[in-house]
């Protein structure tokens, strides 16, 4: 069994309105400020898991500053 023990997923509106979330939190901005930084949805994660043969993923939250 293959387990990916550190993943993040986001609602689709995060990538649509990325700048709002990047501006709201410095750490989030450092990680996802670059438009090339991928913000995966749950569906994206499942698709990649299927492609790579990952059985389970543990989804981690983001520690927002506020």
C-alpha atoms as a PDB file:
ATOM      1  CA  UNK A   1       0.000   0.000   0.000  1.00  0.00           C
ATOM      2  CA  UNK A   2       1.300   3.456  -0.952  1.00  0.00           C
ATOM      3  CA  UNK A   3       0.324   6.391   1.274  1.00  0.00           C
ATOM      4  CA  UNK A   4       1.091  10.041   0.476  1.00  0.00           C
ATOM      5  CA  UNK A   5       1.232  11.484   3.962  1.00  0.00           C
ATOM      6  CA  UNK A   6       1.347  15.209   3.189  1.00  0.00           C
ATOM      7  CA  UNK A   7      -1.015  16.740   0.650  1.00  0.00           C
ATOM      8  CA  UNK A   8      -3.047  19.938   0.369  1.00  0.00           C
ATOM      9  CA  UNK A   9      -6.283  20.478  -1.526  1.00  0.00           C
ATOM     10  CA  UNK A  10      -8.220  23.654  -2.169  1.00  0.00           C
ATOM     11  CA  UNK A  11     -11.681  24.615  -3.347  1.00  0.00           C
ATOM     12  CA  UNK A  12     -11.713  25.700  -7.023  1.00  0.00           C
ATOM     13  CA  UNK A  13     -12.288  29.352  -6.081  1.00  0.00           C
ATOM     14  CA  UNK A  14      -8.792  29.526  -4.548  1.00  0.00           C
ATOM     15  CA  UNK A  15      -7.145  29.236  -7.955  1.00  0.00           C
ATOM     16  CA  UNK A  16      -9.750  31.504  -9.569  1.00  0.00           C
ATOM     17  CA  UNK A  17      -9.171  34.267  -6.977  1.00  0.00           C
ATOM     18  CA  UNK A  18      -5.589  33.355  -6.003  1.00  0.00           C
ATOM     19  CA  UNK A  19      -4.460  36.935  -5.332  1.00  0.00           C
ATOM     20  CA  UNK A  20      -7.099  37.378  -2.608  1.00  0.00           C
ATOM     21  CA  UNK A  21      -5.698  34.460  -0.620  1.00  0.00           C
ATOM     22  CA  UNK A  22      -2.051  35.235  -1.399  1.00  0.00           C
ATOM     23  CA  UNK A  23      -2.497  38.788  -0.114  1.00  0.00           C
ATOM     24  CA  UNK A  24      -4.294  37.591   3.030  1.00  0.00           C
ATOM     25  CA  UNK A  25      -1.452  35.456   4.375  1.00  0.00           C
ATOM     26  CA  UNK A  26       2.328  35.768   3.963  1.00  0.00           C
ATOM     27  CA  UNK A  27       3.056  32.041   4.272  1.00  0.00           C
ATOM     28  CA  UNK A  28       0.324  31.117   1.827  1.00  0.00           C
ATOM     29  CA  UNK A  29       1.687  33.810  -0.481  1.00  0.00           C
ATOM     30  CA  UNK A  30       5.201  32.384  -0.269  1.00  0.00           C
ATOM     31  CA  UNK A  31       3.939  28.910  -1.167  1.00  0.00           C
ATOM     32  CA  UNK A  32       1.314  29.763  -3.770  1.00  0.00           C
ATOM     33  CA  UNK A  33       2.059  33.313  -4.935  1.00  0.00           C
ATOM     34  CA  UNK A  34       3.599  32.114  -8.176  1.00  0.00           C
ATOM     35  CA  UNK A  35       0.794  31.524 -10.708  1.00  0.00           C
ATOM     36  CA  UNK A  36       2.649  28.353 -11.738  1.00  0.00           C
ATOM     37  CA  UNK A  37       2.255  26.900  -8.214  1.00  0.00           C
ATOM     38  CA  UNK A  38      -0.425  24.244  -8.510  1.00  0.00           C
ATOM     39  CA  UNK A  39      -3.416  24.409  -6.201  1.00  0.00           C
ATOM     40  CA  UNK A  40      -5.046  21.020  -6.503  1.00  0.00           C
ATOM     41  CA  UNK A  41      -8.716  20.336  -5.931  1.00  0.00           C
ATOM     42  CA  UNK A  42      -9.874  17.068  -4.371  1.00  0.00           C
ATOM     43  CA  UNK A  43     -10.626  15.794  -7.866  1.00  0.00           C
ATOM     44  CA  UNK A  44      -7.114  16.731  -9.042  1.00  0.00           C
ATOM     45  CA  UNK A  45      -5.573  14.866  -6.118  1.00  0.00           C
ATOM     46  CA  UNK A  46      -7.600  11.724  -6.800  1.00  0.00           C
ATOM     47  CA  UNK A  47      -6.624  11.799 -10.483  1.00  0.00           C
ATOM     48  CA  UNK A  48      -2.912  12.079  -9.644  1.00  0.00           C
ATOM     49  CA  UNK A  49      -3.228   9.362  -7.011  1.00  0.00           C
ATOM     50  CA  UNK A  50      -4.756   7.058  -9.623  1.00  0.00           C
ATOM     51  CA  UNK A  51      -2.014   7.877 -12.157  1.00  0.00           C
ATOM     52  CA  UNK A  52       0.779   7.267  -9.643  1.00  0.00           C
ATOM     53  CA  UNK A  53      -0.662   4.241  -7.859  1.00  0.00           C
ATOM     54  CA  UNK A  54      -1.197   5.982  -4.516  1.00  0.00           C
ATOM     55  CA  UNK A  55      -3.766   4.209  -2.354  1.00  0.00           C
ATOM     56  CA  UNK A  56      -4.347   6.823   0.361  1.00  0.00           C
ATOM     57  CA  UNK A  57      -3.508  10.488   0.903  1.00  0.00           C
ATOM     58  CA  UNK A  58      -3.485  12.425   4.139  1.00  0.00           C
ATOM     59  CA  UNK A  59      -4.691  15.985   3.566  1.00  0.00           C
ATOM     60  CA  UNK A  60      -3.080  18.685   5.712  1.00  0.00           C
ATOM     61  CA  UNK A  61      -4.606  22.049   6.476  1.00  0.00           C
ATOM     62  CA  UNK A  62      -2.927  25.426   6.076  1.00  0.00           C
ATOM     63  CA  UNK A  63      -1.955  27.407   9.182  1.00  0.00           C
ATOM     64  CA  UNK A  64      -3.495  30.776   8.354  1.00  0.00           C
ATOM     65  CA  UNK A  65      -1.976  33.718  10.218  1.00  0.00           C
ATOM     66  CA  UNK A  66      -5.339  35.069  11.318  1.00  0.00           C
END
